[in-house]
N, C-alpha and C. Protein backbone atom coordinates (compact mmCIF):
# COMPACT_ATOMS: atom_id res chain seq x y z
N MET A 1 7.39 -9.05 20.27
CA MET A 1 6.51 -10.04 19.74
C MET A 1 7.40 -11.08 19.18
N PRO A 2 8.01 -11.93 20.10
CA PRO A 2 8.99 -12.99 19.59
C PRO A 2 8.08 -14.08 18.94
N GLU A 3 6.89 -14.21 19.06
CA GLU A 3 6.24 -15.33 18.54
C GLU A 3 5.71 -15.10 17.10
N ARG A 4 6.03 -13.93 16.54
CA ARG A 4 5.71 -13.48 15.25
C ARG A 4 6.95 -13.36 14.41
N THR A 5 6.91 -13.66 13.08
CA THR A 5 8.03 -13.39 12.14
C THR A 5 7.80 -12.11 11.31
N PHE A 6 8.66 -11.31 11.33
CA PHE A 6 8.62 -10.03 10.52
C PHE A 6 9.67 -10.05 9.35
N ALA A 7 9.35 -9.40 8.20
CA ALA A 7 10.33 -9.15 7.14
C ALA A 7 10.23 -7.65 6.91
N ILE A 8 11.45 -7.09 6.79
CA ILE A 8 11.51 -5.64 6.47
C ILE A 8 12.14 -5.61 5.06
N ALA A 9 11.43 -4.93 4.24
CA ALA A 9 11.99 -4.77 2.86
C ALA A 9 12.23 -3.36 2.57
N GLY A 10 13.40 -3.06 1.97
CA GLY A 10 13.70 -1.62 1.66
C GLY A 10 14.80 -1.21 2.46
N GLN A 11 15.53 -0.23 1.84
CA GLN A 11 16.73 0.40 2.53
C GLN A 11 16.86 1.56 1.76
N ARG A 12 16.82 2.72 2.59
CA ARG A 12 16.88 3.99 1.99
C ARG A 12 17.96 4.87 2.65
N GLU A 13 19.20 4.90 1.87
CA GLU A 13 20.36 5.57 2.44
C GLU A 13 20.23 6.89 2.10
N MET A 14 20.12 7.86 3.01
CA MET A 14 20.16 9.26 2.80
C MET A 14 21.60 9.77 2.92
N PRO A 15 22.05 10.76 2.15
CA PRO A 15 23.39 11.20 2.33
C PRO A 15 23.70 11.55 3.59
N GLY A 16 24.84 11.12 4.20
CA GLY A 16 25.14 11.47 5.48
C GLY A 16 24.70 10.46 6.55
N GLU A 17 23.70 9.60 6.17
CA GLU A 17 23.19 8.63 7.03
C GLU A 17 23.68 7.15 6.91
N GLU A 18 24.65 6.98 6.21
CA GLU A 18 25.24 5.72 5.78
C GLU A 18 25.68 4.90 7.00
N VAL A 19 26.16 5.45 8.05
CA VAL A 19 26.55 4.82 9.30
C VAL A 19 25.29 4.40 9.95
N LEU A 20 24.23 5.27 9.98
CA LEU A 20 22.97 4.86 10.73
C LEU A 20 22.44 3.62 9.97
N CYS A 21 22.38 3.63 8.70
CA CYS A 21 21.84 2.50 7.88
C CYS A 21 22.58 1.18 8.07
N GLN A 22 23.91 1.31 8.21
CA GLN A 22 24.72 0.13 8.26
C GLN A 22 24.51 -0.45 9.88
N THR A 23 24.43 0.48 10.80
CA THR A 23 24.10 0.07 12.19
C THR A 23 22.77 -0.66 12.20
N ILE A 24 21.75 -0.02 11.64
CA ILE A 24 20.49 -0.78 11.63
C ILE A 24 20.41 -2.15 11.00
N THR A 25 21.11 -2.21 9.79
CA THR A 25 21.36 -3.50 9.15
C THR A 25 22.01 -4.53 10.03
N GLU A 26 23.09 -4.10 10.72
CA GLU A 26 23.76 -5.05 11.68
C GLU A 26 22.92 -5.49 12.77
N GLU A 27 22.31 -4.55 13.40
CA GLU A 27 21.34 -4.92 14.58
C GLU A 27 20.20 -5.77 14.25
N ALA A 28 19.70 -5.45 13.03
CA ALA A 28 18.62 -6.38 12.44
C ALA A 28 18.94 -7.80 12.37
N LYS A 29 20.20 -8.15 12.11
CA LYS A 29 20.71 -9.50 11.90
C LYS A 29 20.72 -10.14 13.31
N SER A 30 20.73 -9.47 14.35
CA SER A 30 20.71 -10.10 15.77
C SER A 30 19.18 -10.36 16.16
N ILE A 31 18.19 -9.95 15.55
CA ILE A 31 16.84 -10.22 15.90
C ILE A 31 16.34 -11.55 15.32
N LEU A 32 16.22 -12.53 16.05
CA LEU A 32 15.84 -13.81 15.65
C LEU A 32 14.53 -13.96 14.70
N ASN A 33 13.52 -13.02 14.96
CA ASN A 33 12.30 -13.40 14.37
C ASN A 33 12.11 -12.17 13.37
N LEU A 34 13.23 -11.60 12.81
CA LEU A 34 13.32 -10.52 11.81
C LEU A 34 14.11 -10.94 10.57
N LEU A 35 13.37 -10.87 9.44
CA LEU A 35 14.19 -11.02 8.20
C LEU A 35 14.33 -9.79 7.60
N PHE A 36 15.56 -9.26 7.58
CA PHE A 36 15.99 -7.83 7.08
C PHE A 36 16.42 -8.06 5.61
N LEU A 37 15.60 -7.81 4.78
CA LEU A 37 15.81 -8.22 3.22
C LEU A 37 16.64 -7.06 2.57
N GLY A 38 16.66 -5.90 3.17
CA GLY A 38 17.36 -4.70 2.43
C GLY A 38 16.56 -4.28 1.21
N ALA A 39 17.21 -3.86 0.25
CA ALA A 39 16.53 -3.34 -0.99
C ALA A 39 16.01 -4.52 -1.69
N VAL A 40 14.81 -4.53 -2.14
CA VAL A 40 14.19 -5.70 -2.83
C VAL A 40 13.77 -5.09 -4.20
N PRO A 41 14.19 -5.69 -5.19
CA PRO A 41 13.72 -5.19 -6.65
C PRO A 41 12.28 -5.38 -6.69
N PHE A 42 11.62 -4.26 -7.41
CA PHE A 42 10.18 -4.17 -7.48
C PHE A 42 9.45 -5.55 -7.89
N GLY A 43 10.08 -6.17 -8.83
CA GLY A 43 9.65 -7.41 -9.56
C GLY A 43 9.51 -8.60 -8.60
N GLU A 44 10.22 -8.44 -7.38
CA GLU A 44 10.31 -9.55 -6.44
C GLU A 44 9.32 -9.16 -5.18
N MET A 45 8.78 -7.94 -5.14
CA MET A 45 7.92 -7.67 -3.99
C MET A 45 6.64 -8.38 -3.90
N ALA A 46 6.06 -8.61 -5.08
CA ALA A 46 4.84 -9.39 -5.03
C ALA A 46 4.81 -10.72 -4.33
N SER A 47 5.90 -11.38 -4.55
CA SER A 47 6.09 -12.69 -3.80
C SER A 47 6.20 -12.53 -2.24
N TRP A 48 6.81 -11.48 -1.80
CA TRP A 48 6.84 -11.15 -0.42
C TRP A 48 5.34 -10.79 0.18
N TYR A 49 4.63 -9.98 -0.74
CA TYR A 49 3.26 -9.64 -0.11
C TYR A 49 2.38 -10.92 -0.25
N ASP A 50 2.56 -11.81 -1.18
CA ASP A 50 1.78 -13.02 -1.17
C ASP A 50 2.03 -13.91 -0.11
N ARG A 51 3.31 -13.84 0.52
CA ARG A 51 3.62 -14.67 1.66
C ARG A 51 3.06 -14.19 2.95
N SER A 52 2.62 -13.03 2.88
CA SER A 52 2.29 -12.24 4.14
C SER A 52 0.90 -12.20 4.46
N TRP A 53 0.40 -11.98 5.74
CA TRP A 53 -1.05 -11.92 6.03
C TRP A 53 -1.31 -10.36 6.51
N LEU A 54 -0.26 -9.53 6.66
CA LEU A 54 -0.57 -8.23 7.14
C LEU A 54 0.64 -7.24 6.61
N PHE A 55 0.30 -6.04 6.44
CA PHE A 55 1.34 -5.08 6.12
C PHE A 55 1.47 -4.13 7.20
N VAL A 56 2.69 -4.02 7.64
CA VAL A 56 2.97 -3.00 8.77
C VAL A 56 4.00 -1.90 8.18
N ASN A 57 3.63 -0.65 8.36
CA ASN A 57 4.59 0.48 7.93
C ASN A 57 4.69 1.35 9.27
N THR A 58 5.98 1.45 9.71
CA THR A 58 6.39 2.23 10.74
C THR A 58 7.02 3.55 10.53
N SER A 59 6.88 4.02 9.30
CA SER A 59 7.54 5.35 8.79
C SER A 59 6.87 6.51 9.63
N THR A 60 7.55 7.51 9.95
CA THR A 60 7.07 8.62 10.63
C THR A 60 6.70 9.70 9.63
N THR A 61 7.25 9.66 8.37
CA THR A 61 6.87 10.61 7.45
C THR A 61 6.69 9.92 6.06
N GLU A 62 5.41 10.02 5.52
CA GLU A 62 5.20 9.59 4.31
C GLU A 62 4.02 10.49 3.69
N GLY A 63 4.05 10.33 2.38
CA GLY A 63 2.94 11.00 1.58
C GLY A 63 1.94 9.88 1.44
N PHE A 64 1.75 9.40 0.41
CA PHE A 64 0.95 8.20 -0.06
C PHE A 64 1.83 7.25 -0.67
N PRO A 65 2.46 6.30 0.12
CA PRO A 65 3.34 5.26 -0.35
C PRO A 65 2.76 4.17 -1.33
N ASN A 66 3.29 3.84 -2.34
CA ASN A 66 2.89 2.86 -3.19
C ASN A 66 2.76 1.64 -2.54
N THR A 67 3.60 1.29 -1.55
CA THR A 67 3.54 0.13 -0.88
C THR A 67 2.18 -0.23 -0.31
N PHE A 68 1.55 0.85 0.20
CA PHE A 68 0.13 0.50 0.67
C PHE A 68 -0.73 0.06 -0.52
N LEU A 69 -0.78 0.57 -1.61
CA LEU A 69 -1.51 0.15 -2.72
C LEU A 69 -1.12 -1.38 -3.09
N GLU A 70 0.25 -1.66 -3.07
CA GLU A 70 0.69 -2.89 -3.43
C GLU A 70 0.20 -3.96 -2.40
N ALA A 71 0.29 -3.61 -1.12
CA ALA A 71 -0.23 -4.59 -0.10
C ALA A 71 -1.76 -4.74 -0.11
N TRP A 72 -2.56 -3.65 -0.34
CA TRP A 72 -3.92 -3.67 -0.43
C TRP A 72 -4.50 -4.49 -1.57
N ASP A 73 -3.74 -4.41 -2.78
CA ASP A 73 -3.99 -5.02 -3.91
C ASP A 73 -3.86 -6.56 -3.75
N ARG A 74 -3.12 -6.99 -2.81
CA ARG A 74 -2.97 -8.41 -2.43
C ARG A 74 -3.90 -8.83 -1.28
N GLY A 75 -4.75 -7.84 -0.81
CA GLY A 75 -5.78 -8.12 0.24
C GLY A 75 -5.09 -8.12 1.65
N LEU A 76 -4.00 -7.25 1.78
CA LEU A 76 -3.47 -7.22 3.12
C LEU A 76 -3.98 -5.97 3.91
N PRO A 77 -4.43 -6.05 5.02
CA PRO A 77 -4.81 -4.89 5.79
C PRO A 77 -3.49 -4.25 6.14
N ALA A 78 -3.54 -2.95 6.52
CA ALA A 78 -2.26 -2.19 6.88
C ALA A 78 -2.38 -1.75 8.39
N VAL A 79 -1.34 -2.02 9.14
CA VAL A 79 -1.18 -1.38 10.46
C VAL A 79 -0.03 -0.43 10.32
N ALA A 80 -0.28 0.80 10.56
CA ALA A 80 0.77 1.83 10.36
C ALA A 80 0.70 3.04 11.19
N THR A 81 1.70 3.91 11.19
CA THR A 81 1.88 5.07 11.91
C THR A 81 1.41 6.28 11.08
N VAL A 82 1.28 6.11 9.78
CA VAL A 82 0.82 7.14 8.99
C VAL A 82 -0.63 6.71 8.41
N ASP A 83 -1.34 7.64 7.88
CA ASP A 83 -2.73 7.35 7.54
C ASP A 83 -2.94 8.08 6.12
N PRO A 84 -2.53 7.53 4.97
CA PRO A 84 -2.49 8.18 3.71
C PRO A 84 -4.08 8.39 3.30
N ASP A 85 -4.34 9.62 3.16
CA ASP A 85 -5.76 10.01 2.67
C ASP A 85 -6.86 9.54 3.70
N ARG A 86 -6.43 9.26 4.93
CA ARG A 86 -7.30 8.76 6.01
C ARG A 86 -7.94 7.36 5.62
N LEU A 87 -7.22 6.72 4.70
CA LEU A 87 -8.01 5.40 4.35
C LEU A 87 -7.86 4.43 5.39
N LEU A 88 -7.03 4.47 6.32
CA LEU A 88 -7.03 3.64 7.55
C LEU A 88 -8.09 3.87 8.51
N SER A 89 -7.99 5.18 8.91
CA SER A 89 -9.00 5.56 10.00
C SER A 89 -10.48 5.73 9.53
N GLU A 90 -10.59 6.23 8.26
CA GLU A 90 -12.05 6.38 7.78
C GLU A 90 -12.39 5.42 6.68
N GLY A 91 -11.41 4.97 5.94
CA GLY A 91 -11.69 3.88 4.93
C GLY A 91 -11.82 2.46 5.40
N GLY A 92 -11.36 2.28 6.55
CA GLY A 92 -11.31 0.88 7.09
C GLY A 92 -10.49 -0.08 6.36
N LEU A 93 -9.37 0.47 6.01
CA LEU A 93 -8.33 -0.52 5.25
C LEU A 93 -7.17 -0.87 6.26
N GLY A 94 -7.38 -0.71 7.49
CA GLY A 94 -6.31 -1.06 8.37
C GLY A 94 -6.58 -0.22 9.67
N PHE A 95 -5.42 -0.15 10.33
CA PHE A 95 -5.46 0.68 11.62
C PHE A 95 -4.18 1.59 11.64
N VAL A 96 -4.52 2.87 12.03
CA VAL A 96 -3.37 3.80 12.20
C VAL A 96 -3.10 3.87 13.78
N CYS A 97 -1.70 3.83 14.08
CA CYS A 97 -1.34 3.75 15.42
C CYS A 97 -0.48 4.84 15.91
N LYS A 98 -0.52 5.03 17.20
CA LYS A 98 0.43 6.27 17.75
C LYS A 98 1.74 5.76 18.25
N ASP A 99 1.86 4.45 18.54
CA ASP A 99 3.06 3.95 19.06
C ASP A 99 3.29 2.56 18.93
N VAL A 100 4.43 2.10 19.21
CA VAL A 100 4.78 0.60 19.05
C VAL A 100 3.82 -0.36 19.80
N ASP A 101 3.37 0.12 20.94
CA ASP A 101 2.43 -0.77 21.76
C ASP A 101 1.11 -0.92 21.11
N GLU A 102 0.64 0.17 20.34
CA GLU A 102 -0.63 0.14 19.69
C GLU A 102 -0.50 -0.69 18.42
N ILE A 103 0.73 -0.56 17.80
CA ILE A 103 1.03 -1.59 16.62
C ILE A 103 0.99 -3.02 17.14
N ALA A 104 1.53 -3.24 18.14
CA ALA A 104 1.73 -4.70 18.62
C ALA A 104 0.26 -5.17 18.94
N ALA A 105 -0.63 -4.26 19.59
CA ALA A 105 -2.01 -4.67 19.95
C ALA A 105 -2.80 -4.93 18.72
N ARG A 106 -2.64 -4.10 17.60
CA ARG A 106 -3.45 -4.27 16.45
C ARG A 106 -2.99 -5.51 15.64
N ILE A 107 -1.74 -5.78 15.58
CA ILE A 107 -1.20 -6.97 15.08
C ILE A 107 -1.76 -8.20 15.68
N GLU A 108 -1.80 -8.24 17.09
CA GLU A 108 -2.46 -9.31 17.80
C GLU A 108 -3.86 -9.47 17.48
N LEU A 109 -4.53 -8.24 17.50
CA LEU A 109 -6.01 -8.41 17.29
C LEU A 109 -6.31 -9.09 15.84
N LEU A 110 -5.67 -8.66 14.96
CA LEU A 110 -5.88 -9.23 13.56
C LEU A 110 -5.38 -10.73 13.45
N HIS A 111 -4.29 -11.03 14.17
CA HIS A 111 -3.95 -12.44 14.18
C HIS A 111 -4.97 -13.32 14.78
N ARG A 112 -5.58 -12.86 15.80
CA ARG A 112 -6.63 -13.44 16.71
C ARG A 112 -7.90 -13.55 15.87
N ASP A 113 -8.34 -12.40 15.36
CA ASP A 113 -9.55 -12.36 14.53
C ASP A 113 -9.48 -12.30 13.16
N ARG A 114 -9.39 -13.57 12.69
CA ARG A 114 -9.21 -13.79 11.22
C ARG A 114 -10.31 -13.46 10.33
N ARG A 115 -11.61 -13.33 10.96
CA ARG A 115 -12.71 -12.87 10.21
C ARG A 115 -12.54 -11.30 9.89
N LEU A 116 -12.07 -10.46 10.98
CA LEU A 116 -11.80 -9.19 10.86
C LEU A 116 -10.60 -8.90 9.76
N LEU A 117 -9.64 -9.79 9.93
CA LEU A 117 -8.63 -9.66 8.91
C LEU A 117 -9.08 -9.83 7.54
N ALA A 118 -9.82 -10.80 7.37
CA ALA A 118 -10.35 -11.07 5.93
C ALA A 118 -11.29 -10.00 5.50
N GLU A 119 -12.07 -9.45 6.38
CA GLU A 119 -13.02 -8.18 5.98
C GLU A 119 -12.20 -7.14 5.64
N ILE A 120 -11.17 -6.73 6.40
CA ILE A 120 -10.47 -5.48 6.13
C ILE A 120 -9.65 -5.74 4.66
N GLY A 121 -9.05 -6.99 4.63
CA GLY A 121 -8.29 -7.41 3.44
C GLY A 121 -9.10 -7.23 2.17
N GLU A 122 -10.37 -7.80 2.32
CA GLU A 122 -11.29 -7.71 1.10
C GLU A 122 -11.65 -6.20 0.75
N ARG A 123 -11.87 -5.44 1.86
CA ARG A 123 -12.19 -4.07 1.56
C ARG A 123 -10.90 -3.41 0.98
N ALA A 124 -9.82 -3.62 1.52
CA ALA A 124 -8.59 -3.11 0.71
C ALA A 124 -8.41 -3.49 -0.63
N ARG A 125 -8.57 -4.67 -0.92
CA ARG A 125 -8.55 -5.14 -2.33
C ARG A 125 -9.65 -4.49 -3.35
N ALA A 126 -10.83 -4.26 -2.64
CA ALA A 126 -11.91 -3.65 -3.44
C ALA A 126 -11.53 -2.15 -3.67
N TYR A 127 -11.00 -1.54 -2.64
CA TYR A 127 -10.60 -0.02 -2.78
C TYR A 127 -9.54 -0.01 -4.06
N VAL A 128 -8.51 -0.89 -4.02
CA VAL A 128 -7.50 -0.67 -5.18
C VAL A 128 -8.20 -0.93 -6.45
N ALA A 129 -9.05 -1.95 -6.56
CA ALA A 129 -9.75 -2.34 -7.74
C ALA A 129 -10.67 -1.18 -8.27
N SER A 130 -11.29 -0.53 -7.38
CA SER A 130 -12.22 0.49 -7.86
C SER A 130 -11.55 1.93 -8.00
N GLU A 131 -10.56 2.12 -7.31
CA GLU A 131 -9.85 3.40 -7.42
C GLU A 131 -8.42 3.63 -8.06
N HIS A 132 -7.84 2.46 -8.31
CA HIS A 132 -6.36 2.42 -8.89
C HIS A 132 -6.10 1.53 -10.02
N GLN A 133 -7.21 0.97 -10.58
CA GLN A 133 -6.94 0.18 -11.85
C GLN A 133 -7.08 0.82 -13.01
N ARG A 134 -6.38 0.58 -14.00
CA ARG A 134 -6.32 1.46 -15.31
C ARG A 134 -7.68 1.85 -15.76
N ASP A 135 -8.49 0.80 -16.04
CA ASP A 135 -9.92 1.08 -16.62
C ASP A 135 -10.62 2.21 -15.94
N GLY A 136 -10.72 2.11 -14.51
CA GLY A 136 -11.47 3.05 -13.77
C GLY A 136 -10.84 4.42 -13.87
N ILE A 137 -9.45 4.53 -13.83
CA ILE A 137 -8.78 5.71 -13.88
C ILE A 137 -9.03 6.47 -15.30
N VAL A 138 -8.93 5.60 -16.35
CA VAL A 138 -9.18 6.08 -17.82
C VAL A 138 -10.53 6.67 -17.82
N SER A 139 -11.54 5.95 -17.31
CA SER A 139 -12.82 6.39 -17.40
C SER A 139 -13.25 7.71 -16.60
N ARG A 140 -12.53 7.90 -15.48
CA ARG A 140 -12.72 9.10 -14.59
C ARG A 140 -12.07 10.36 -15.44
N TYR A 141 -10.91 10.06 -16.06
CA TYR A 141 -10.22 11.09 -16.89
C TYR A 141 -11.14 11.47 -18.01
N ARG A 142 -11.61 10.61 -18.66
CA ARG A 142 -12.53 10.77 -19.88
C ARG A 142 -13.64 11.58 -19.42
N ASN A 143 -14.33 11.35 -18.24
CA ASN A 143 -15.49 12.03 -17.73
C ASN A 143 -15.11 13.40 -17.40
N LEU A 144 -13.96 13.54 -16.72
CA LEU A 144 -13.41 15.00 -16.47
C LEU A 144 -13.24 15.75 -17.68
N ILE A 145 -12.60 15.20 -18.65
CA ILE A 145 -12.26 15.92 -19.90
C ILE A 145 -13.46 16.39 -20.64
N ALA A 146 -14.44 15.33 -20.56
CA ALA A 146 -15.79 15.69 -21.24
C ALA A 146 -16.52 16.69 -20.54
N SER A 147 -16.46 16.84 -19.18
CA SER A 147 -17.17 17.81 -18.38
C SER A 147 -16.26 19.15 -18.66
N LEU A 148 -15.10 19.32 -18.74
CA LEU A 148 -14.44 20.43 -18.97
C LEU A 148 -14.56 21.07 -20.41
N THR A 149 -14.59 20.16 -21.24
CA THR A 149 -14.73 20.62 -22.63
C THR A 149 -16.18 20.98 -22.95
N ALA A 150 -17.24 20.54 -22.17
CA ALA A 150 -18.52 20.87 -22.42
C ALA A 150 -18.83 22.30 -22.36
N GLY A 151 -18.07 23.06 -21.47
CA GLY A 151 -18.18 24.59 -21.34
C GLY A 151 -17.52 25.28 -22.47
N VAL A 152 -16.57 24.63 -23.04
CA VAL A 152 -15.94 25.30 -24.16
C VAL A 152 -16.67 25.27 -25.54
N THR A 153 -17.16 24.04 -25.76
CA THR A 153 -17.93 23.78 -26.98
C THR A 153 -19.38 24.00 -26.85
N GLY A 154 -19.96 24.15 -25.75
CA GLY A 154 -21.22 24.38 -25.53
C GLY A 154 -22.08 23.04 -25.43
N LYS A 155 -21.50 21.90 -25.58
CA LYS A 155 -22.16 20.65 -25.58
C LYS A 155 -21.08 19.72 -25.06
N ALA A 156 -21.54 18.68 -24.33
CA ALA A 156 -20.63 17.60 -23.97
C ALA A 156 -20.00 16.81 -25.01
N ALA A 157 -18.75 16.51 -24.69
CA ALA A 157 -18.04 15.71 -25.74
C ALA A 157 -18.58 14.30 -25.60
N PRO A 158 -18.59 13.60 -26.74
CA PRO A 158 -19.29 12.21 -26.69
C PRO A 158 -18.33 11.29 -25.93
N ALA A 159 -18.99 10.52 -25.08
CA ALA A 159 -18.19 9.46 -24.18
C ALA A 159 -17.71 8.30 -25.30
N ARG A 160 -16.57 7.94 -25.00
CA ARG A 160 -15.96 6.89 -25.80
C ARG A 160 -15.98 5.55 -25.06
N SER A 161 -15.97 4.50 -25.76
CA SER A 161 -16.01 3.19 -25.22
C SER A 161 -14.58 2.73 -24.78
N GLN A 162 -14.42 1.73 -24.00
CA GLN A 162 -13.07 1.29 -23.56
C GLN A 162 -12.34 0.68 -24.82
N GLU A 163 -12.91 0.35 -25.74
CA GLU A 163 -12.32 -0.47 -26.86
C GLU A 163 -11.14 0.18 -27.47
N GLY A 164 -11.07 1.52 -27.51
CA GLY A 164 -9.98 2.29 -28.10
C GLY A 164 -8.92 2.53 -27.16
N VAL A 165 -8.89 2.03 -25.78
CA VAL A 165 -7.89 2.34 -24.87
C VAL A 165 -6.63 1.44 -25.26
N SER A 166 -5.44 1.98 -25.31
CA SER A 166 -4.15 1.08 -25.44
C SER A 166 -3.23 1.93 -24.63
N ASP A 167 -2.09 1.20 -24.33
CA ASP A 167 -0.99 1.73 -23.77
C ASP A 167 0.27 1.29 -24.60
N ALA A 168 1.54 1.78 -24.27
CA ALA A 168 2.72 1.41 -24.98
C ALA A 168 2.87 -0.04 -25.06
N SER A 169 2.40 -0.81 -24.16
CA SER A 169 2.63 -2.24 -24.13
C SER A 169 1.67 -2.94 -25.27
N ASP A 170 0.70 -2.32 -25.77
CA ASP A 170 -0.03 -2.91 -26.84
C ASP A 170 0.56 -2.82 -28.17
N HIS A 171 1.62 -1.99 -28.28
CA HIS A 171 2.21 -1.82 -29.69
C HIS A 171 3.40 -2.71 -29.97
């Protein structure tokens, strides 16, 4: 895909794989449409997401990477080889792909169909807002604790308002 520009952020050196990482770093420099950023401090990643229109993850083994949430929070659909919690295939937050040809096809589809790109991006942003923001998480934990303590005390614990919520940054 020489007509597209890609940026790769991150560099994970596993013990014994230093030579492989160095080889990848050197080879990446020879690809004209690839910016190999290496390790990027967390505080600088937001600006890279903000410059992007799509998030691509080619990892073959992942649990639920925070990078998906970071990209979705910025309204970026994902094209990936992993499908955390089936949010790509069933949640409509992007596309899960079997191989590099399918990745390329999905990138081209989203580049051509800006309406689809925007729809998936908005769905991704809404997912993070509803499932991963502090207020929603605190509320779910409170409800869970109330339901668990109801069986112990014989009555439901009173629900608390959000006004009493604070974190270490509030002090």
